[in-house]
Amino acid sequence: MGAPMTDRRRQKHRAPQGLADAHALSTRPRAVVVGAGIAGLAAACALAERGIAVDVVELEDYLGGRVGGWTEHHAGADFAMNRGFHAFFRQYYNLRDLLRRIDPQLRMLTPVDDYPLIDRAGRRDSFRGLPRTPPLNALMFALRSPTFTLNDLARIDARAAAPLAAVSVPDIYHQLDHLDAETFLKNINFPESARHLAFEVFSRSFFAEPSQLSAGELATMFHIYFLGSSEGLIFDVATANFDVSLWDPLRDYLSDRGVHFRMGTRVRRVDTNGVSEFTVHTDTGDSINADAVVLAADVNGLQAIAAQSTDLGNTLWHDHIRQLRSAPPFAVHRLWLDRPVASDRPPFLGTSGHEPLDNISVLNRYESEATSWATENRGSVVELHSYAMNSSTPREESTRQLHKLYPETASANIVYERILERNDCPLFTPGTYAARPRIVTPQPGLVLAGDGIRVDLPVALMERAATSGWLAANHVLARWGITGHDIHTVPTQGRSRLLRALALRQGSARC
């Protein structure tokens, strides 16, 4: 069951206040949400709950975007499939708020009590049993790590590392966005082995190599998961495939509130009919008139729509959208094996130095469809992830790494396998934060949402997507004088006064 919010220092961001809902207006406004990933669904929920008529247009035949799920059929059997493993951290307040619409107790989530990390030399880090209070959590993690010693701690360049202790969002981006994560960690003398085992695993969760990731993003991530939150470092996972556990119930919830879904439909362009009216054109030839539009597509989709919607926004806005980049491809390789993996294997294992493999999930440890299949067939369901892939790397190499780490899988036969390769994740390279498109656009009534959109709050990944959706809807609602939805985040600045004071002192000494 999903744990409740426990951090008393989490920060509440109050929404604009106004009318209770659209029923107080003379006419009912209509909004179109383009994209049914987490951002689009959050926006649709926020609008529909305030009485707005909502149409959701989604390119795929499933909801959830990169957290989507579906069922495949092979040889007369059904195989649950999705876009890959996702960790629902306890500090993902706004994503969890969305999911509580379908189950206030979050029974669709279950905790993973540990997710060990292993490097090429076989050294392991673990998150089990760490204190939840910052900065003790980060300190204990470092000192317990086989790749980090007291001598390493003494050699850390306190001046260079000061921003990590005094993160303030969005100021941290102005401090560090010009640097890449790899250079920043070298500058602070962070041990190379620990850098690979800990920080590289996290940075690659942004689907990029550390050399291609903004140090501002790395520092914000460190704040969210370590020094900025006391929710702990353990996360939850969905107990069933994403369509069954999350999105089918949420679709029912939204449909009951009048949301109309147009699945398998591509938006070609958005035209303006005046100051606040839009026409959304789709590849089916349909045109949808709306008073507001939420563009919650991925980077490629947003760029394609903007390129055809020449009368939207202004030249600078279009330039910023064109400058967005997608991360290198990633692969999800799911294997249905006729033999079980060893009983002591963790549900999730992060890897470093086992290229191209980044992590292994044993799905039948927690996902009901995989559990049923493994029980019935006396086998197992294993998923391999490879991030920031080099296209020249053979796909078979990740399987060889699985056999190396879990030798019992080498003799297993593959009953069914599915490989997905995608490159639809945003890339946050150094120096790009200032030009990243914001939620509010120059076009009244048009807003953006998604994990690639700039949100000046301490959020990342799925939580950034959810937060942007709520905020986008709030902005639209405010135009009609309707009350929005409050959101929560971890504190927007470092929670330790002592660490902030030390960081400021180091910063002053450096000047």
Protein backbone atom coordinates (compact mmCIF):
# COMPACT_ATOMS: atom_id res chain seq x y z
CA MET A 1 0.00 0.00 0.00
CA GLY A 2 1.32 3.44 -0.87
CA ALA A 3 2.66 5.28 2.15
CA PRO A 4 1.14 8.63 3.18
CA MET A 5 3.09 11.89 3.16
CA THR A 6 5.21 11.96 6.31
CA ASP A 7 7.60 14.88 5.77
CA ARG A 8 6.25 17.72 7.89
CA ARG A 9 8.48 20.14 6.01
CA ARG A 10 7.05 19.38 2.60
CA GLN A 11 6.04 22.59 0.92
CA LYS A 12 2.50 23.48 -0.08
CA HIS A 13 2.01 25.72 -3.11
CA ARG A 14 -1.46 27.21 -3.01
CA ALA A 15 -3.44 27.49 -6.21
CA PRO A 16 -5.16 30.68 -7.39
CA GLN A 17 -8.55 31.08 -5.73
CA GLY A 18 -11.86 31.94 -7.36
CA LEU A 19 -15.13 30.33 -8.31
CA ALA A 20 -15.76 26.78 -7.14
CA ASP A 21 -16.22 25.44 -10.66
CA ALA A 22 -17.40 26.27 -14.18
CA HIS A 23 -21.08 25.93 -13.32
CA ALA A 24 -20.96 29.51 -12.06
CA LEU A 25 -20.04 30.74 -15.57
CA SER A 26 -22.57 31.71 -18.21
CA THR A 27 -21.15 29.11 -20.63
CA ARG A 28 -19.14 25.97 -20.03
CA PRO A 29 -15.57 26.30 -21.35
CA ARG A 30 -14.00 23.53 -23.41
CA ALA A 31 -10.36 22.47 -23.29
CA VAL A 32 -8.36 20.07 -25.46
CA VAL A 33 -5.49 18.16 -23.86
CA VAL A 34 -2.99 16.83 -26.39
CA GLY A 35 -1.25 13.77 -24.96
CA ALA A 36 -2.45 11.24 -22.40
CA GLY A 37 0.76 10.68 -20.49
CA ILE A 38 1.02 11.59 -16.82
CA ALA A 39 1.12 15.34 -17.58
CA GLY A 40 -1.92 15.24 -19.86
CA LEU A 41 -3.93 13.07 -17.49
CA ALA A 42 -3.15 15.33 -14.53
CA ALA A 43 -4.24 18.37 -16.56
CA ALA A 44 -7.41 16.63 -17.75
CA CYS A 45 -8.26 15.61 -14.19
CA ALA A 46 -7.67 19.10 -12.81
CA LEU A 47 -9.88 20.69 -15.48
CA ALA A 48 -12.67 18.11 -15.44
CA GLU A 49 -12.99 18.30 -11.65
CA ARG A 50 -13.71 21.99 -12.02
CA GLY A 51 -16.48 21.42 -14.55
CA ILE A 52 -14.53 22.11 -17.76
CA ALA A 53 -15.50 20.05 -20.83
CA VAL A 54 -12.33 18.15 -21.78
CA ASP A 55 -11.24 16.26 -24.89
CA VAL A 56 -8.03 14.21 -24.59
CA VAL A 57 -6.29 13.39 -27.87
CA GLU A 58 -3.66 10.64 -27.69
CA LEU A 59 -1.46 9.25 -30.45
CA GLU A 60 -1.12 5.79 -28.91
CA ASP A 61 -3.88 3.28 -28.21
CA TYR A 62 -3.03 3.25 -24.50
CA LEU A 63 -2.85 5.84 -21.72
CA GLY A 64 0.14 6.71 -19.56
CA GLY A 65 2.77 7.73 -22.09
CA ARG A 66 6.12 6.30 -21.00
CA VAL A 67 4.26 4.65 -18.12
CA GLY A 68 1.77 3.02 -20.49
CA GLY A 69 0.78 -0.64 -20.46
CA TRP A 70 -1.06 -3.05 -22.73
CA THR A 71 -1.57 -6.76 -23.45
CA GLU A 72 0.06 -8.67 -26.29
CA HIS A 73 -1.14 -11.96 -27.72
CA HIS A 74 1.19 -14.76 -28.79
CA ALA A 75 0.53 -18.44 -29.49
CA GLY A 76 -2.88 -18.24 -27.86
CA ALA A 77 -1.61 -16.66 -24.66
CA ASP A 78 -1.73 -13.14 -23.23
CA PHE A 79 1.42 -11.32 -22.15
CA ALA A 80 1.24 -8.08 -20.18
CA MET A 81 3.66 -5.48 -21.54
CA ASN A 82 4.56 -1.90 -20.73
CA ARG A 83 7.14 0.79 -21.37
CA GLY A 84 9.37 -0.35 -18.55
CA PHE A 85 10.11 -0.13 -14.83
CA HIS A 86 9.11 3.01 -12.92
CA ALA A 87 9.81 3.88 -9.29
CA PHE A 88 7.05 5.69 -7.41
CA PHE A 89 9.03 7.54 -4.75
CA ARG A 90 7.24 8.72 -1.62
CA GLN A 91 8.08 12.36 -2.42
CA TYR A 92 6.14 12.19 -5.69
CA TYR A 93 3.31 14.04 -4.01
CA ASN A 94 1.50 15.35 -7.07
CA LEU A 95 1.62 12.06 -8.98
CA ARG A 96 0.29 10.28 -5.91
CA ASP A 97 -2.43 12.90 -5.57
CA LEU A 98 -3.55 12.00 -9.09
CA LEU A 99 -3.56 8.28 -8.29
CA ARG A 100 -5.52 8.85 -5.08
CA ARG A 101 -8.44 9.83 -7.30
CA ILE A 102 -8.89 6.11 -7.99
CA ASP A 103 -7.77 4.73 -4.62
CA PRO A 104 -7.15 7.03 -1.62
CA GLN A 105 -5.08 4.28 0.06
CA LEU A 106 -2.92 3.72 -3.05
CA ARG A 107 -3.34 -0.03 -2.81
CA MET A 108 -2.13 -0.30 -6.41
CA LEU A 109 1.39 0.38 -5.09
CA THR A 110 3.62 -1.82 -2.96
CA PRO A 111 7.01 -0.98 -1.43
CA VAL A 112 10.32 -2.34 -2.65
CA ASP A 113 12.38 -2.64 0.51
CA ASP A 114 15.71 -2.28 -1.29
CA TYR A 115 17.19 -1.69 -4.70
CA PRO A 116 20.86 -2.64 -4.60
CA LEU A 117 23.38 -1.21 -7.03
CA ILE A 118 26.25 -3.33 -8.32
CA ASP A 119 29.34 -2.31 -10.29
CA ARG A 120 31.71 -4.15 -12.60
CA ALA A 121 33.87 -5.28 -9.67
CA GLY A 122 30.88 -6.78 -7.86
CA ARG A 123 30.70 -4.06 -5.19
CA ARG A 124 27.20 -3.35 -3.93
CA ASP A 125 25.42 -0.36 -2.51
CA SER A 126 22.13 -0.77 -0.67
CA PHE A 127 19.37 1.57 0.48
CA ARG A 128 17.93 -0.83 3.06
CA GLY A 129 17.89 0.44 6.63
CA LEU A 130 19.10 3.96 5.92
CA PRO A 131 17.84 6.74 8.20
CA ARG A 132 15.19 8.94 6.64
CA THR A 133 16.38 12.23 8.11
CA PRO A 134 18.65 14.42 5.95
CA PRO A 135 21.59 14.76 5.93
CA LEU A 136 22.09 11.51 7.86
CA ASN A 137 20.58 9.51 4.98
CA ALA A 138 23.15 10.73 2.46
CA LEU A 139 26.02 10.52 4.96
CA MET A 140 25.18 6.95 5.98
CA PHE A 141 24.71 5.91 2.37
CA ALA A 142 28.16 7.26 1.51
CA LEU A 143 29.95 5.83 4.53
CA ARG A 144 28.28 2.43 4.14
CA SER A 145 29.22 2.25 0.47
CA PRO A 146 32.13 -0.06 -0.45
CA THR A 147 33.31 2.63 -2.87
CA PHE A 148 33.42 5.51 -0.39
CA THR A 149 35.74 5.87 2.60
CA LEU A 150 36.35 8.42 5.34
CA ASN A 151 39.48 9.48 3.44
CA ASP A 152 37.32 10.06 0.37
CA LEU A 153 34.99 12.20 2.48
CA ALA A 154 37.94 14.26 3.72
CA ARG A 155 39.14 14.87 0.16
CA ILE A 156 35.80 16.28 -1.03
CA ASP A 157 36.26 19.89 -2.16
CA ALA A 158 33.82 21.60 0.21
CA ARG A 159 33.80 24.81 -1.81
CA ALA A 160 32.96 23.10 -5.07
CA ALA A 161 30.41 20.84 -3.37
CA ALA A 162 28.69 23.70 -1.52
CA PRO A 163 25.78 23.98 -3.99
CA LEU A 164 24.71 20.41 -3.16
CA ALA A 165 24.18 21.38 0.47
CA ALA A 166 22.32 24.61 -0.25
CA VAL A 167 20.13 23.76 -3.21
CA SER A 168 17.54 26.40 -3.93
CA VAL A 169 15.26 25.89 -6.91
CA PRO A 170 15.40 27.50 -9.42
CA ASP A 171 18.61 29.32 -8.29
CA ILE A 172 20.65 26.09 -8.51
CA TYR A 173 20.18 26.08 -12.28
CA HIS A 174 21.64 29.57 -12.56
CA GLN A 175 24.64 28.34 -10.56
CA LEU A 176 25.32 25.00 -12.22
CA ASP A 177 23.44 24.64 -15.50
CA HIS A 178 26.56 25.65 -17.46
CA LEU A 179 28.36 22.53 -16.17
CA ASP A 180 27.79 18.89 -17.01
CA ALA A 181 27.24 16.40 -14.19
CA GLU A 182 30.46 14.48 -14.85
CA THR A 183 32.63 17.60 -14.69
CA PHE A 184 30.89 18.82 -11.55
CA LEU A 185 31.52 15.54 -9.72
CA LYS A 186 35.15 15.59 -10.79
CA ASN A 187 35.48 19.17 -9.58
CA ILE A 188 34.32 18.22 -6.09
CA ASN A 189 36.74 15.25 -5.99
CA PHE A 190 33.93 12.74 -5.68
CA PRO A 191 35.58 9.27 -5.81
CA GLU A 192 35.47 7.83 -9.31
CA SER A 193 34.23 4.39 -8.24
CA ALA A 194 31.48 5.89 -6.08
CA ARG A 195 30.61 8.28 -8.88
CA HIS A 196 30.00 5.40 -11.23
CA LEU A 197 28.08 3.29 -8.73
CA ALA A 198 25.82 5.95 -7.25
CA PHE A 199 25.55 9.16 -9.24
CA GLU A 200 25.88 7.58 -12.67
CA VAL A 201 22.99 5.22 -11.96
CA PHE A 202 20.81 8.18 -11.04
CA SER A 203 21.95 10.41 -13.88
CA ARG A 204 21.24 7.69 -16.40
CA SER A 205 17.70 7.54 -15.07
CA PHE A 206 17.41 10.81 -17.00
CA PHE A 207 18.30 8.69 -20.07
CA ALA A 208 21.62 10.46 -20.57
CA GLU A 209 25.28 9.95 -19.86
CA PRO A 210 26.61 12.17 -17.02
CA SER A 211 28.64 14.13 -19.57
CA GLN A 212 25.40 15.11 -21.31
CA LEU A 213 23.39 15.99 -18.20
CA SER A 214 23.21 19.46 -16.66
CA ALA A 215 24.85 19.66 -13.23
CA GLY A 216 21.83 21.73 -12.22
CA GLU A 217 19.60 18.72 -12.86
CA LEU A 218 21.97 16.48 -10.90
CA ALA A 219 22.00 18.83 -7.91
CA THR A 220 18.21 19.15 -7.98
CA MET A 221 17.93 15.37 -8.09
CA PHE A 222 20.30 15.08 -5.11
CA HIS A 223 18.07 17.52 -3.22
CA ILE A 224 14.82 15.71 -4.09
CA TYR A 225 15.98 12.23 -3.12
CA PHE A 226 18.61 12.88 -0.44
CA LEU A 227 19.03 16.23 1.33
CA GLY A 228 15.67 17.83 0.59
CA SER A 229 13.24 15.15 1.77
CA SER A 230 12.69 12.93 4.79
CA GLU A 231 10.32 10.60 2.94
CA GLY A 232 13.18 8.10 2.63
CA LEU A 233 14.99 6.55 -0.29
CA ILE A 234 12.78 3.51 -0.73
CA PHE A 235 10.14 3.61 -3.43
CA ASP A 236 6.93 1.80 -4.38
CA VAL A 237 6.07 -0.12 -7.54
CA ALA A 238 2.76 -0.90 -9.21
CA THR A 239 1.26 -4.24 -8.20
CA ALA A 240 -0.14 -4.90 -11.69
CA ASN A 241 0.58 -3.84 -15.24
CA PHE A 242 0.19 -0.09 -15.60
CA ASP A 243 -2.99 -0.24 -17.66
CA VAL A 244 -4.73 -2.46 -15.09
CA SER A 245 -3.43 -0.81 -11.92
CA LEU A 246 -3.36 2.84 -12.94
CA TRP A 247 -4.78 4.04 -16.21
CA ASP A 248 -7.92 1.99 -16.86
CA PRO A 249 -9.35 3.02 -13.48
CA LEU A 250 -8.30 6.64 -14.03
CA ARG A 251 -9.90 6.64 -17.47
CA ASP A 252 -13.16 5.47 -15.88
CA TYR A 253 -12.86 8.19 -13.25
CA LEU A 254 -12.34 10.89 -15.90
CA SER A 255 -15.01 9.53 -18.23
CA ASP A 256 -17.51 9.75 -15.37
CA ARG A 257 -16.65 13.46 -15.26
CA GLY A 258 -17.30 13.96 -18.94
CA VAL A 259 -13.81 13.62 -20.36
CA HIS A 260 -13.87 12.39 -23.97
CA PHE A 261 -10.86 10.33 -25.12
CA ARG A 262 -9.75 10.20 -28.77
CA MET A 263 -7.19 7.40 -28.88
CA GLY A 264 -4.87 6.52 -31.75
CA THR A 265 -5.21 10.06 -33.08
CA ARG A 266 -2.42 12.46 -34.02
CA VAL A 267 -2.78 16.22 -33.65
CA ARG A 268 -1.43 17.94 -36.75
CA ARG A 269 -1.72 21.60 -35.81
CA VAL A 270 -3.50 24.11 -33.62
CA ASP A 271 -5.01 27.25 -35.15
CA THR A 272 -6.29 30.33 -33.38
CA ASN A 273 -9.68 31.79 -34.18
CA GLY A 274 -9.26 34.86 -32.05
CA VAL A 275 -7.77 35.95 -28.76
CA SER A 276 -8.87 32.89 -26.80
CA GLU A 277 -10.36 30.37 -29.23
CA PHE A 278 -8.57 27.45 -30.87
CA THR A 279 -9.19 24.78 -33.45
CA VAL A 280 -7.25 21.53 -33.01
CA HIS A 281 -6.78 19.61 -36.27
CA THR A 282 -6.17 15.84 -36.21
CA ASP A 283 -4.98 13.30 -38.77
CA THR A 284 -8.51 11.86 -38.96
CA GLY A 285 -9.72 15.09 -40.51
CA ASP A 286 -11.62 16.10 -37.39
CA SER A 287 -11.43 19.63 -36.00
CA ILE A 288 -12.06 20.31 -32.31
CA ASN A 289 -12.92 23.82 -31.20
CA ALA A 290 -11.69 24.81 -27.77
CA ASP A 291 -11.32 27.76 -25.44
CA ALA A 292 -7.99 26.44 -24.15
CA VAL A 293 -5.37 23.90 -25.22
CA VAL A 294 -2.87 21.95 -23.13
CA LEU A 295 0.00 20.60 -25.23
CA ALA A 296 1.30 17.65 -23.18
CA ALA A 297 3.08 15.80 -25.99
CA ASP A 298 6.66 14.52 -25.87
CA VAL A 299 9.48 16.56 -27.37
CA ASN A 300 9.10 15.20 -30.89
CA GLY A 301 5.33 15.57 -30.82
CA LEU A 302 5.47 19.11 -29.45
CA GLN A 303 7.99 20.15 -32.08
CA ALA A 304 5.90 18.67 -34.89
CA ILE A 305 2.73 20.42 -33.73
CA ALA A 306 4.47 23.76 -33.17
CA ALA A 307 6.13 23.61 -36.60
CA GLN A 308 2.70 23.37 -38.26
CA SER A 309 1.03 25.89 -35.93
CA THR A 310 2.78 28.98 -37.25
CA ASP A 311 0.29 31.49 -35.86
CA LEU A 312 0.77 30.34 -32.27
CA GLY A 313 3.05 32.18 -29.86
CA ASN A 314 5.95 34.21 -31.19
CA THR A 315 9.31 33.68 -32.88
CA LEU A 316 11.26 33.26 -29.62
CA TRP A 317 8.78 30.66 -28.34
CA HIS A 318 9.09 28.65 -31.55
CA ASP A 319 12.90 28.91 -31.34
CA HIS A 320 12.88 27.53 -27.79
CA ILE A 321 10.74 24.58 -28.84
CA ARG A 322 13.00 23.84 -31.80
CA GLN A 323 16.00 23.80 -29.44
CA LEU A 324 14.56 21.00 -27.32
CA ARG A 325 16.38 17.71 -27.68
CA SER A 326 15.44 14.11 -27.10
CA ALA A 327 17.75 11.83 -25.15
CA PRO A 328 19.53 8.92 -26.85
CA PRO A 329 17.47 5.77 -27.41
CA PHE A 330 16.65 3.44 -24.56
CA ALA A 331 15.60 -0.19 -24.71
CA VAL A 332 13.21 -2.30 -22.65
CA HIS A 333 13.78 -6.02 -23.09
CA ARG A 334 11.22 -8.25 -21.37
CA LEU A 335 11.78 -12.00 -21.18
CA TRP A 336 9.32 -14.71 -20.19
CA LEU A 337 11.59 -17.59 -19.09
CA ASP A 338 10.70 -21.21 -18.46
CA ARG A 339 12.77 -21.34 -15.25
CA PRO A 340 12.68 -19.20 -12.11
CA VAL A 341 15.46 -16.87 -11.13
CA ALA A 342 17.09 -17.54 -7.77
CA SER A 343 14.78 -16.80 -4.86
CA ASP A 344 17.19 -14.29 -3.31
CA ARG A 345 17.25 -12.03 -6.36
CA PRO A 346 15.92 -8.52 -5.58
CA PRO A 347 12.93 -7.17 -7.48
CA PHE A 348 15.18 -4.44 -8.87
CA LEU A 349 18.95 -4.27 -9.38
CA GLY A 350 20.77 -1.21 -10.67
CA THR A 351 24.02 -1.82 -12.52
CA SER A 352 27.13 0.15 -13.42
CA GLY A 353 29.90 -1.03 -15.70
CA HIS A 354 27.75 -3.74 -17.30
CA GLU A 355 27.12 -1.92 -20.56
CA PRO A 356 24.63 -1.67 -22.11
CA LEU A 357 22.63 -2.96 -19.14
CA ASP A 358 21.47 -0.39 -16.58
CA ASN A 359 19.09 -2.43 -14.45
CA ILE A 360 17.28 -5.72 -14.05
CA SER A 361 13.71 -6.13 -12.80
CA VAL A 362 12.24 -9.46 -11.71
CA LEU A 363 8.62 -8.61 -12.41
CA ASN A 364 7.08 -11.71 -10.88
CA ARG A 365 8.31 -10.44 -7.50
CA TYR A 366 5.63 -7.72 -7.51
CA GLU A 367 3.50 -7.51 -10.68
CA SER A 368 0.37 -9.68 -10.55
CA GLU A 369 0.26 -10.66 -14.24
CA ALA A 370 3.91 -11.69 -14.17
CA THR A 371 3.39 -13.54 -10.89
CA SER A 372 0.47 -15.51 -12.33
CA TRP A 373 2.39 -16.40 -15.48
CA ALA A 374 5.51 -17.45 -13.56
CA THR A 375 3.47 -19.59 -11.17
CA GLU A 376 1.54 -21.30 -13.94
CA ASN A 377 4.64 -21.93 -16.07
CA ARG A 378 7.14 -22.48 -13.25
CA GLY A 379 9.22 -19.74 -14.75
CA SER A 380 9.99 -16.06 -14.33
CA VAL A 381 9.49 -12.72 -16.03
CA VAL A 382 12.60 -10.57 -16.25
CA GLU A 383 13.02 -7.10 -17.71
CA LEU A 384 16.27 -5.47 -18.81
CA HIS A 385 16.73 -1.73 -19.29
CA SER A 386 19.43 -0.03 -21.32
CA TYR A 387 19.56 3.78 -21.21
CA ALA A 388 21.45 6.22 -23.45
CA MET A 389 22.12 3.42 -25.89
CA ASN A 390 24.86 3.41 -28.47
CA SER A 391 23.18 2.19 -31.64
CA SER A 392 26.28 0.17 -32.50
CA THR A 393 25.93 -1.92 -29.33
CA PRO A 394 24.38 -5.34 -30.07
CA ARG A 395 21.11 -5.86 -28.23
CA GLU A 396 22.24 -9.37 -27.29
CA GLU A 397 24.89 -7.90 -25.01
CA SER A 398 22.33 -6.94 -22.34
CA THR A 399 21.20 -10.57 -22.23
CA ARG A 400 24.81 -11.69 -21.80
CA GLN A 401 25.14 -9.30 -18.88
CA LEU A 402 21.98 -10.80 -17.35
CA HIS A 403 23.51 -14.27 -17.60
CA LYS A 404 26.69 -12.97 -15.98
CA LEU A 405 24.85 -11.40 -13.04
CA TYR A 406 22.14 -14.06 -12.74
CA PRO A 407 23.85 -17.24 -14.01
CA GLU A 408 20.73 -19.38 -13.51
CA THR A 409 19.07 -17.56 -16.41
CA ALA A 410 21.67 -18.77 -18.91
CA SER A 411 20.09 -22.24 -19.11
CA ALA A 412 16.51 -20.94 -19.29
CA ASN A 413 14.51 -21.08 -22.51
CA ILE A 414 12.74 -17.96 -23.70
CA VAL A 415 9.02 -18.63 -24.03
CA TYR A 416 8.33 -15.12 -25.29
CA GLU A 417 10.31 -11.89 -25.49
CA ARG A 418 9.59 -8.33 -26.42
CA ILE A 419 12.08 -5.58 -27.15
CA LEU A 420 11.06 -1.92 -27.27
CA GLU A 421 13.44 0.79 -28.41
CA ARG A 422 12.34 4.41 -28.04
CA ASN A 423 13.92 7.85 -28.00
CA ASP A 424 11.12 10.03 -26.67
CA CYS A 425 12.65 11.23 -23.39
CA PRO A 426 13.77 14.86 -22.95
CA LEU A 427 17.48 15.63 -22.73
CA PHE A 428 18.68 18.26 -20.25
CA THR A 429 22.10 19.20 -21.57
CA PRO A 430 24.24 21.89 -19.93
CA GLY A 431 23.29 25.47 -20.70
CA THR A 432 19.74 24.78 -21.88
CA TYR A 433 17.67 25.56 -18.79
CA ALA A 434 17.13 29.25 -19.55
CA ALA A 435 15.70 28.50 -23.00
CA ARG A 436 13.54 25.58 -21.90
CA PRO A 437 9.88 26.29 -22.75
CA ARG A 438 7.73 27.18 -19.76
CA ILE A 439 4.20 26.09 -18.91
CA VAL A 440 2.79 29.54 -19.74
CA THR A 441 3.16 30.50 -23.41
CA PRO A 442 2.87 33.83 -25.23
CA GLN A 443 -0.48 32.60 -26.58
CA PRO A 444 -3.35 33.26 -24.13
CA GLY A 445 -5.20 30.03 -23.42
CA LEU A 446 -2.34 27.79 -24.62
CA VAL A 447 -0.16 26.04 -22.02
CA LEU A 448 2.50 23.32 -22.08
CA ALA A 449 2.95 20.32 -19.79
CA GLY A 450 5.35 17.39 -19.59
CA ASP A 451 8.61 16.30 -18.01
CA GLY A 452 10.55 18.25 -20.65
CA ILE A 453 8.89 21.55 -19.74
CA ARG A 454 10.52 24.01 -17.34
CA VAL A 455 9.03 23.85 -13.85
CA ASP A 456 10.78 26.10 -11.33
CA LEU A 457 10.17 23.68 -8.47
CA PRO A 458 12.16 20.71 -7.08
CA VAL A 459 10.53 17.97 -9.16
CA ALA A 460 11.86 15.45 -11.66
CA LEU A 461 10.83 12.62 -13.98
CA MET A 462 7.26 11.38 -13.38
CA GLU A 463 6.71 13.96 -10.66
CA ARG A 464 7.75 16.79 -12.97
CA ALA A 465 5.22 15.53 -15.52
CA ALA A 466 2.40 15.37 -12.95
CA THR A 467 3.28 18.74 -11.42
CA SER A 468 3.38 20.43 -14.82
CA GLY A 469 -0.06 19.03 -15.62
CA TRP A 470 -1.62 20.40 -12.43
CA LEU A 471 0.09 23.78 -12.92
CA ALA A 472 -0.93 24.02 -16.57
CA ALA A 473 -4.55 23.38 -15.64
CA ASN A 474 -4.34 25.91 -12.79
CA HIS A 475 -3.22 28.58 -15.22
CA VAL A 476 -6.11 27.82 -17.56
CA LEU A 477 -8.61 27.77 -14.70
CA ALA A 478 -7.36 31.12 -13.43
CA ARG A 479 -8.23 32.73 -16.78
CA TRP A 480 -11.88 31.88 -16.06
CA GLY A 481 -11.64 32.89 -12.42
CA ILE A 482 -11.94 29.29 -11.18
CA THR A 483 -10.09 27.92 -8.18
CA GLY A 484 -7.14 25.69 -9.04
CA HIS A 485 -5.52 22.75 -7.25
CA ASP A 486 -2.85 23.00 -4.55
CA ILE A 487 0.36 21.10 -5.12
CA HIS A 488 3.13 19.89 -2.82
CA THR A 489 6.88 19.53 -3.25
CA VAL A 490 9.91 18.86 -1.12
CA PRO A 491 11.26 22.15 0.30
CA THR A 492 12.46 24.52 -2.40
CA GLN A 493 15.75 25.07 -0.59
CA GLY A 494 18.13 23.00 1.51
CA ARG A 495 16.39 22.07 4.76
CA SER A 496 19.48 22.20 6.98
CA ARG A 497 20.33 25.70 8.24
CA LEU A 498 23.79 24.51 9.21
CA LEU A 499 24.55 23.13 5.76
CA ARG A 500 23.15 26.26 4.11
CA ALA A 501 25.33 28.44 6.34
CA LEU A 502 28.42 26.35 5.58
CA ALA A 503 27.63 26.45 1.88
CA LEU A 504 27.24 30.23 1.95
CA ARG A 505 30.52 30.54 3.83
CA GLN A 506 32.28 28.37 1.28
CA GLY A 507 30.74 30.38 -1.52
CA SER A 508 31.90 33.62 0.06
CA ALA A 509 35.39 32.24 0.54
CA ARG A 510 35.53 31.24 -3.11
CA CYS A 511 34.62 34.82 -4.13
